[in-house]
Protein backbone atom coordinates (compact mmCIF):
# COMPACT_ATOMS: atom_id res chain seq x y z
CA MET A 1 0.00 0.00 0.00
CA GLY A 2 1.47 3.34 -1.08
CA GLN A 3 1.85 6.49 0.92
CA THR A 4 -1.17 8.75 1.23
CA ALA A 5 -1.35 12.41 0.18
CA PHE A 6 -3.94 15.17 0.33
CA LEU A 7 -3.66 18.06 -2.13
CA THR A 8 -5.12 21.51 -2.40
CA GLY A 9 -4.62 23.30 -5.72
CA ALA A 10 -4.25 19.97 -7.53
CA THR A 11 -5.82 21.32 -10.73
CA GLY A 12 -3.34 24.20 -10.92
CA PHE A 13 -0.01 24.31 -12.76
CA VAL A 14 2.30 22.84 -10.11
CA GLY A 15 -0.49 20.78 -8.56
CA THR A 16 -1.17 18.95 -11.82
CA VAL A 17 2.48 17.98 -12.27
CA LEU A 18 2.85 17.01 -8.60
CA ALA A 19 -0.28 14.82 -8.69
CA ARG A 20 0.99 13.04 -11.81
CA GLN A 21 4.41 12.43 -10.23
CA LEU A 22 2.90 11.17 -6.97
CA ALA A 23 0.60 8.77 -8.82
CA THR A 24 3.54 7.43 -10.84
CA LYS A 25 5.35 6.71 -7.56
CA GLY A 26 2.36 4.80 -6.20
CA TRP A 27 0.96 7.36 -3.78
CA GLN A 28 -2.76 7.25 -2.98
CA LEU A 29 -4.18 10.69 -3.70
CA THR A 30 -7.07 12.64 -2.25
CA ALA A 31 -7.67 16.18 -3.49
CA ILE A 32 -10.26 18.89 -3.15
CA HIS A 33 -11.80 20.72 -6.06
CA ARG A 34 -14.23 23.59 -6.39
CA PRO A 35 -17.44 23.08 -8.37
CA GLY A 36 -16.71 23.90 -11.99
CA SER A 37 -12.92 23.62 -11.71
CA SER A 38 -11.42 21.81 -14.69
CA ARG A 39 -9.75 18.46 -14.04
CA LYS A 40 -8.89 18.03 -17.72
CA TYR A 41 -5.20 17.30 -17.22
CA LEU A 42 -5.77 14.79 -14.42
CA GLU A 43 -8.51 12.67 -15.98
CA ASP A 44 -6.06 9.77 -16.42
CA VAL A 45 -4.72 10.01 -12.83
CA PRO A 46 -6.36 8.03 -9.97
CA VAL A 47 -7.47 10.74 -7.55
CA ASP A 48 -10.18 10.58 -4.91
CA TRP A 49 -11.81 13.95 -5.64
CA ARG A 50 -13.74 15.62 -2.84
CA ALA A 51 -15.66 18.87 -3.03
CA GLY A 52 -14.02 21.58 -0.96
CA ASP A 53 -12.55 25.05 -0.80
CA VAL A 54 -9.71 26.37 1.32
CA THR A 55 -11.93 29.28 2.40
CA ASP A 56 -14.45 26.78 3.86
CA PRO A 57 -12.94 25.16 7.00
CA ALA A 58 -15.73 22.60 7.36
CA SER A 59 -15.20 21.32 3.82
CA LEU A 60 -11.48 20.79 4.50
CA CYS A 61 -12.05 18.75 7.66
CA ALA A 62 -14.68 16.68 5.84
CA ALA A 63 -12.40 16.05 2.86
CA LEU A 64 -9.08 15.40 4.65
CA PRO A 65 -8.62 11.72 5.62
CA GLU A 66 -7.28 10.89 9.07
CA GLY A 67 -3.50 10.52 9.41
CA VAL A 68 -2.36 11.10 5.82
CA ASP A 69 1.37 10.88 5.23
CA ALA A 70 1.52 14.32 3.60
CA VAL A 71 -0.63 17.36 2.99
CA PHE A 72 0.52 19.35 -0.03
CA HIS A 73 -0.99 22.83 0.24
CA LEU A 74 -0.62 24.40 -3.21
CA ALA A 75 -3.85 26.38 -3.55
CA GLY A 76 -3.27 30.10 -4.00
CA ASP A 77 -4.34 33.29 -5.73
CA THR A 78 -1.57 34.89 -7.83
CA SER A 79 -3.48 37.99 -8.97
CA LEU A 80 -1.55 41.23 -9.40
CA TRP A 81 -4.63 43.47 -9.54
CA SER A 82 -5.45 45.48 -6.42
CA ARG A 83 -9.20 45.06 -6.88
CA ARG A 84 -8.75 41.38 -6.07
CA ASN A 85 -6.71 41.96 -2.92
CA GLU A 86 -9.51 41.05 -0.52
CA ARG A 87 -10.23 37.74 -2.20
CA GLN A 88 -6.50 37.03 -2.54
CA THR A 89 -5.91 37.54 1.15
CA ARG A 90 -8.89 35.32 1.96
CA VAL A 91 -7.53 32.49 -0.23
CA ASN A 92 -3.83 32.80 0.54
CA VAL A 93 -3.84 33.72 4.22
CA GLU A 94 -7.16 32.52 5.65
CA GLY A 95 -7.07 29.48 3.36
CA THR A 96 -3.66 28.50 4.71
CA ARG A 97 -4.85 29.05 8.28
CA ASN A 98 -7.82 26.77 7.59
CA MET A 99 -5.62 24.07 6.03
CA VAL A 100 -3.19 24.20 8.97
CA GLU A 101 -6.09 23.76 11.39
CA ALA A 102 -7.47 20.82 9.42
CA ALA A 103 -4.04 19.15 9.24
CA LEU A 104 -3.57 19.47 12.98
CA ALA A 105 -7.09 18.22 13.71
CA ARG A 106 -6.78 15.22 11.40
CA GLY A 107 -3.25 14.25 12.43
CA ALA A 108 -1.42 14.76 9.13
CA ARG A 109 2.15 13.48 9.46
CA ARG A 110 3.78 16.18 7.31
CA PHE A 111 2.62 19.47 5.80
CA VAL A 112 4.37 20.81 2.69
CA HIS A 113 3.45 24.44 2.05
CA THR A 114 3.94 25.93 -1.40
CA SER A 115 4.95 29.53 -0.84
CA SER A 116 6.91 31.73 -3.26
CA ILE A 117 10.08 33.77 -3.52
CA SER A 118 7.58 36.65 -3.35
CA ALA A 119 7.40 36.17 0.42
CA TYR A 120 10.84 37.82 0.48
CA GLY A 121 9.39 41.00 -1.06
CA LEU A 122 10.83 43.55 -3.47
CA GLN A 123 14.50 42.85 -2.81
CA THR A 124 17.37 43.17 -5.25
CA GLY A 125 20.47 41.08 -5.77
CA VAL A 126 20.98 37.47 -4.70
CA ILE A 127 19.20 36.08 -1.65
CA ASP A 128 19.12 32.77 0.17
CA GLU A 129 16.88 31.48 2.94
CA ARG A 130 18.65 33.63 5.56
CA ALA A 131 17.48 36.88 3.90
CA GLU A 132 14.91 38.96 5.73
CA GLN A 133 11.42 38.38 4.43
CA LEU A 134 10.26 41.82 3.29
CA GLY A 135 6.94 40.57 1.94
CA SER A 136 5.33 41.90 5.11
CA VAL A 137 5.96 45.50 4.01
CA SER A 138 5.58 45.07 0.24
CA PRO A 139 3.13 47.34 -1.63
CA VAL A 140 2.19 44.26 -3.68
CA ASN A 141 -0.60 42.35 -1.95
CA TYR A 142 0.45 39.04 -3.49
CA GLN A 143 3.80 39.33 -1.75
CA ARG A 144 2.21 40.38 1.53
CA SER A 145 -0.26 37.50 1.38
CA LYS A 146 2.46 34.92 0.72
CA PHE A 147 4.44 36.21 3.71
CA LEU A 148 1.36 36.13 5.94
CA ALA A 149 0.49 32.64 4.75
CA GLU A 150 3.91 31.44 5.89
CA GLU A 151 3.23 33.05 9.26
CA GLU A 152 0.13 30.86 9.55
CA VAL A 153 2.27 27.79 8.87
CA ARG A 154 4.78 28.90 11.49
CA LYS A 155 1.97 29.28 14.02
CA GLY A 156 0.98 25.72 13.21
CA ILE A 157 4.55 24.53 13.70
CA ALA A 158 4.53 26.09 17.17
CA ARG A 159 1.51 23.89 17.92
CA GLY A 160 3.15 20.71 16.69
CA LEU A 161 2.63 20.76 12.92
CA ASP A 162 5.49 19.04 11.08
CA ALA A 163 5.77 21.48 8.17
CA VAL A 164 8.23 22.43 5.45
CA ILE A 165 8.00 25.58 3.29
CA LEU A 166 9.04 25.74 -0.36
CA ASN A 167 9.67 29.07 -2.12
CA PRO A 168 9.78 28.63 -5.91
CA ALA A 169 10.94 31.49 -8.13
CA ALA A 170 9.55 31.85 -11.69
CA ILE A 171 8.24 28.42 -12.74
CA MET A 172 8.09 27.27 -16.36
CA GLY A 173 7.19 23.99 -18.05
CA PRO A 174 4.30 21.81 -19.25
CA TYR A 175 0.74 22.37 -17.97
CA ASP A 176 1.25 26.13 -17.56
CA THR A 177 -1.85 27.79 -18.99
CA VAL A 178 -1.84 31.12 -17.15
CA ASN A 179 1.67 32.16 -16.08
CA TRP A 180 4.70 32.43 -18.42
CA VAL A 181 2.56 31.13 -21.26
CA ARG A 182 1.37 34.72 -21.62
CA MET A 183 4.90 35.91 -22.40
CA ILE A 184 5.41 33.04 -24.86
CA ARG A 185 2.12 33.85 -26.61
CA LEU A 186 2.91 37.56 -26.90
CA VAL A 187 6.29 36.81 -28.45
CA CYS A 188 4.90 34.18 -30.83
CA GLU A 189 2.03 36.44 -31.95
CA GLY A 190 4.26 39.50 -32.36
CA LYS A 191 2.28 41.39 -29.73
CA LEU A 192 4.96 41.99 -27.10
CA PRO A 193 5.21 45.79 -27.07
CA GLY A 194 8.56 45.92 -25.30
CA VAL A 195 10.92 43.93 -23.12
CA PRO A 196 10.62 44.36 -19.33
CA PRO A 197 13.92 45.32 -17.68
CA GLY A 198 13.74 42.83 -14.82
CA ARG A 199 15.96 39.89 -13.93
CA MET A 200 14.91 36.81 -11.99
CA SER A 201 15.49 33.15 -11.22
CA PHE A 202 13.68 30.47 -13.22
CA CYS A 203 12.95 26.83 -12.41
CA HIS A 204 11.31 23.82 -14.09
CA VAL A 205 7.93 22.63 -12.84
CA ASP A 206 9.12 19.01 -12.88
CA GLU A 207 11.94 19.86 -10.47
CA VAL A 208 9.61 21.93 -8.28
CA ALA A 209 7.20 19.00 -8.01
CA GLN A 210 10.04 16.58 -7.22
CA ALA A 211 11.22 18.96 -4.48
CA HIS A 212 7.75 18.74 -2.91
CA ILE A 213 8.00 14.95 -2.75
CA ALA A 214 11.57 15.08 -1.42
CA ALA A 215 10.42 17.56 1.25
CA VAL A 216 8.22 14.86 2.78
CA GLU A 217 11.17 12.62 3.59
CA ARG A 218 14.17 14.94 3.59
CA GLY A 219 12.97 18.46 4.36
CA ARG A 220 13.70 19.79 7.81
CA GLN A 221 10.76 20.87 9.96
CA GLY A 222 10.19 24.62 9.90
CA GLU A 223 12.76 25.26 7.17
CA ASN A 224 12.34 27.29 3.97
CA TYR A 225 13.79 26.08 0.66
CA LEU A 226 14.27 28.47 -2.27
CA LEU A 227 13.83 26.88 -5.70
CA GLY A 228 15.38 28.70 -8.64
CA GLY A 229 18.82 28.21 -10.07
CA THR A 230 18.67 29.66 -13.57
CA ASP A 231 19.22 33.41 -13.39
CA ALA A 232 18.37 35.48 -16.45
CA ALA A 233 17.20 38.88 -17.60
CA LEU A 234 13.73 38.99 -19.13
CA ALA A 235 15.44 40.26 -22.29
CA GLU A 236 17.30 36.95 -22.49
CA LEU A 237 14.08 35.02 -21.91
CA VAL A 238 12.38 36.90 -24.77
CA ARG A 239 15.36 36.23 -27.05
CA VAL A 240 15.32 32.48 -26.31
CA ILE A 241 11.54 32.28 -26.85
CA GLY A 242 12.07 33.92 -30.25
CA GLU A 243 14.78 31.41 -31.16
CA VAL A 244 12.71 28.40 -30.10
CA ALA A 245 9.55 29.66 -31.83
CA GLY A 246 11.37 30.86 -34.94
CA VAL A 247 10.16 34.45 -34.68
CA THR A 248 11.91 37.79 -34.28
CA PRO A 249 10.95 39.38 -30.95
CA PRO A 250 11.56 42.97 -29.88
CA THR A 251 14.98 43.60 -28.37
CA ARG A 252 14.58 47.10 -26.98
CA VAL A 253 14.29 47.05 -23.19
CA THR A 254 11.50 49.27 -21.89
CA PRO A 255 12.65 51.67 -19.15
CA ALA A 256 11.33 50.84 -15.69
CA TRP A 257 9.77 54.30 -15.29
CA LEU A 258 7.76 53.81 -18.47
CA LEU A 259 6.47 50.40 -17.41
CA ARG A 260 5.40 51.85 -14.07
CA ALA A 261 3.59 54.67 -15.89
CA VAL A 262 1.81 52.16 -18.12
CA GLY A 263 0.79 50.16 -15.06
CA GLN A 264 -0.62 53.25 -13.36
CA ALA A 265 -2.52 54.22 -16.49
CA GLY A 266 -4.02 50.74 -16.62
CA GLU A 267 -5.16 51.10 -13.03
CA TRP A 268 -6.92 54.39 -13.79
CA VAL A 269 -8.65 52.93 -16.84
CA SER A 270 -9.83 49.93 -14.81
CA LEU A 271 -11.50 52.25 -12.30
CA ALA A 272 -13.74 53.45 -15.12
CA THR A 273 -14.28 50.16 -16.95
CA GLY A 274 -14.22 47.65 -14.08
CA ARG A 275 -12.11 45.36 -16.27
CA GLU A 276 -8.73 43.97 -15.24
CA PRO A 277 -5.94 45.83 -17.07
CA ARG A 278 -3.28 43.89 -18.97
CA PHE A 279 -0.65 45.68 -16.89
CA THR A 280 -1.04 46.94 -13.32
CA PRO A 281 1.20 48.91 -10.95
CA GLU A 282 1.83 45.61 -9.16
CA SER A 283 2.85 43.73 -12.29
CA ALA A 284 5.11 46.65 -13.23
CA ARG A 285 6.90 46.36 -9.89
CA MET A 286 7.33 42.62 -10.35
CA ALA A 287 8.59 42.93 -13.95
CA THR A 288 11.21 45.57 -13.10
CA ARG A 289 12.83 43.92 -10.08
CA HIS A 290 16.28 42.33 -10.19
CA LEU A 291 16.11 39.36 -7.82
CA HIS A 292 17.98 36.06 -7.96
CA CYS A 293 18.01 33.24 -5.45
CA ASP A 294 20.72 30.90 -4.26
CA CYS A 295 19.05 27.48 -4.19
CA GLY A 296 22.09 25.60 -2.87
CA LYS A 297 20.22 24.48 0.23
CA ALA A 298 17.48 22.80 -1.86
CA VAL A 299 20.10 21.24 -4.14
CA HIS A 300 22.00 19.80 -1.16
CA GLU A 301 19.07 18.70 1.01
CA LEU A 302 16.25 17.95 -1.46
CA GLY A 303 18.16 16.94 -4.59
CA PHE A 304 16.68 19.89 -6.49
CA GLN A 305 18.27 20.49 -9.91
CA PRO A 306 18.41 23.80 -11.81
CA VAL A 307 17.43 23.53 -15.49
CA PRO A 308 18.94 25.68 -18.29
CA LEU A 309 16.77 28.50 -19.61
CA ARG A 310 16.60 27.10 -23.14
CA ARG A 311 15.21 23.77 -21.95
CA LEU A 312 12.65 25.60 -19.81
CA VAL A 313 11.43 27.46 -22.89
CA GLU A 314 11.59 24.39 -25.16
CA ASP A 315 9.55 22.25 -22.77
CA SER A 316 6.94 24.98 -22.25
CA TYR A 317 6.70 25.73 -25.99
CA ALA A 318 6.46 22.08 -27.04
CA TRP A 319 3.64 21.39 -24.59
CA LEU A 320 1.70 24.50 -25.64
CA LYS A 321 2.06 23.54 -29.31
CA GLY A 322 1.00 19.97 -28.58
CA GLU A 323 -2.12 21.20 -26.79
CA GLY A 324 -3.02 23.62 -29.55
CA LEU A 325 -2.65 26.57 -27.19
CA LEU A 326 -0.44 28.62 -29.53
């Protein structure tokens, strides 16, 4: 009989890949899903689906089996639009608090929390796990909510929860339908107006999922693990996407001040239209930061492996083409 796992966010990008890897390794999977959420990419995976929502504590306790080997808490709201801040905080912070309570009540043996490098806030340069987490004072609600969600996990640890926290950087790879796929589409369709000036760390979704599984057996209780490893400017990412797709992308880097102005203009327009702008002040801040992470701790303790930028793009592009999403 295989190990048992309970997943939130299983139908998301990382959750889909993690569920597929766990099933391949013989784990028995239970996962919650919201009514209407698509399970298209997990139809061939044996999962005991149970209706539930991280914002509904009763549904979590009803769905979570007693004494599972691992809870993988991946559910989250990644919006960068201020009009969704309230809902984002409810999902990311209160949802994590609810999942921690359910895990404690049902005697889960280990809790793996999917956070983000965003919990460290708008820093610059190279950071590792010892860096101060500035997400608490970030003007970007996503970053604040990821920091506060970790605080909920730490409160659970103080009450006996055996938890590990993973902090992925920018994730690429198959099954991404909402994140870096947007950049790939814009480049492929010749609609990218300019190249953001930011720099960041990138990682492969397969490696991120494998780090989650390794965290069950090898992660140290209460520890954070940064997952990145491939540092690149967004200009380099755009160039590689162009090479892989066989198109000529823009090469001129847009000044940070101009991107921030565009983001602010989008915010003003959204106040009148009620529609989410393509670019917000928050997304401008995220696209103009220069932040890399040292993932040596995850490499040493979890067996995490950085993947070259070109392979990240090739794997993402090939999957999108195969699914008819380009």
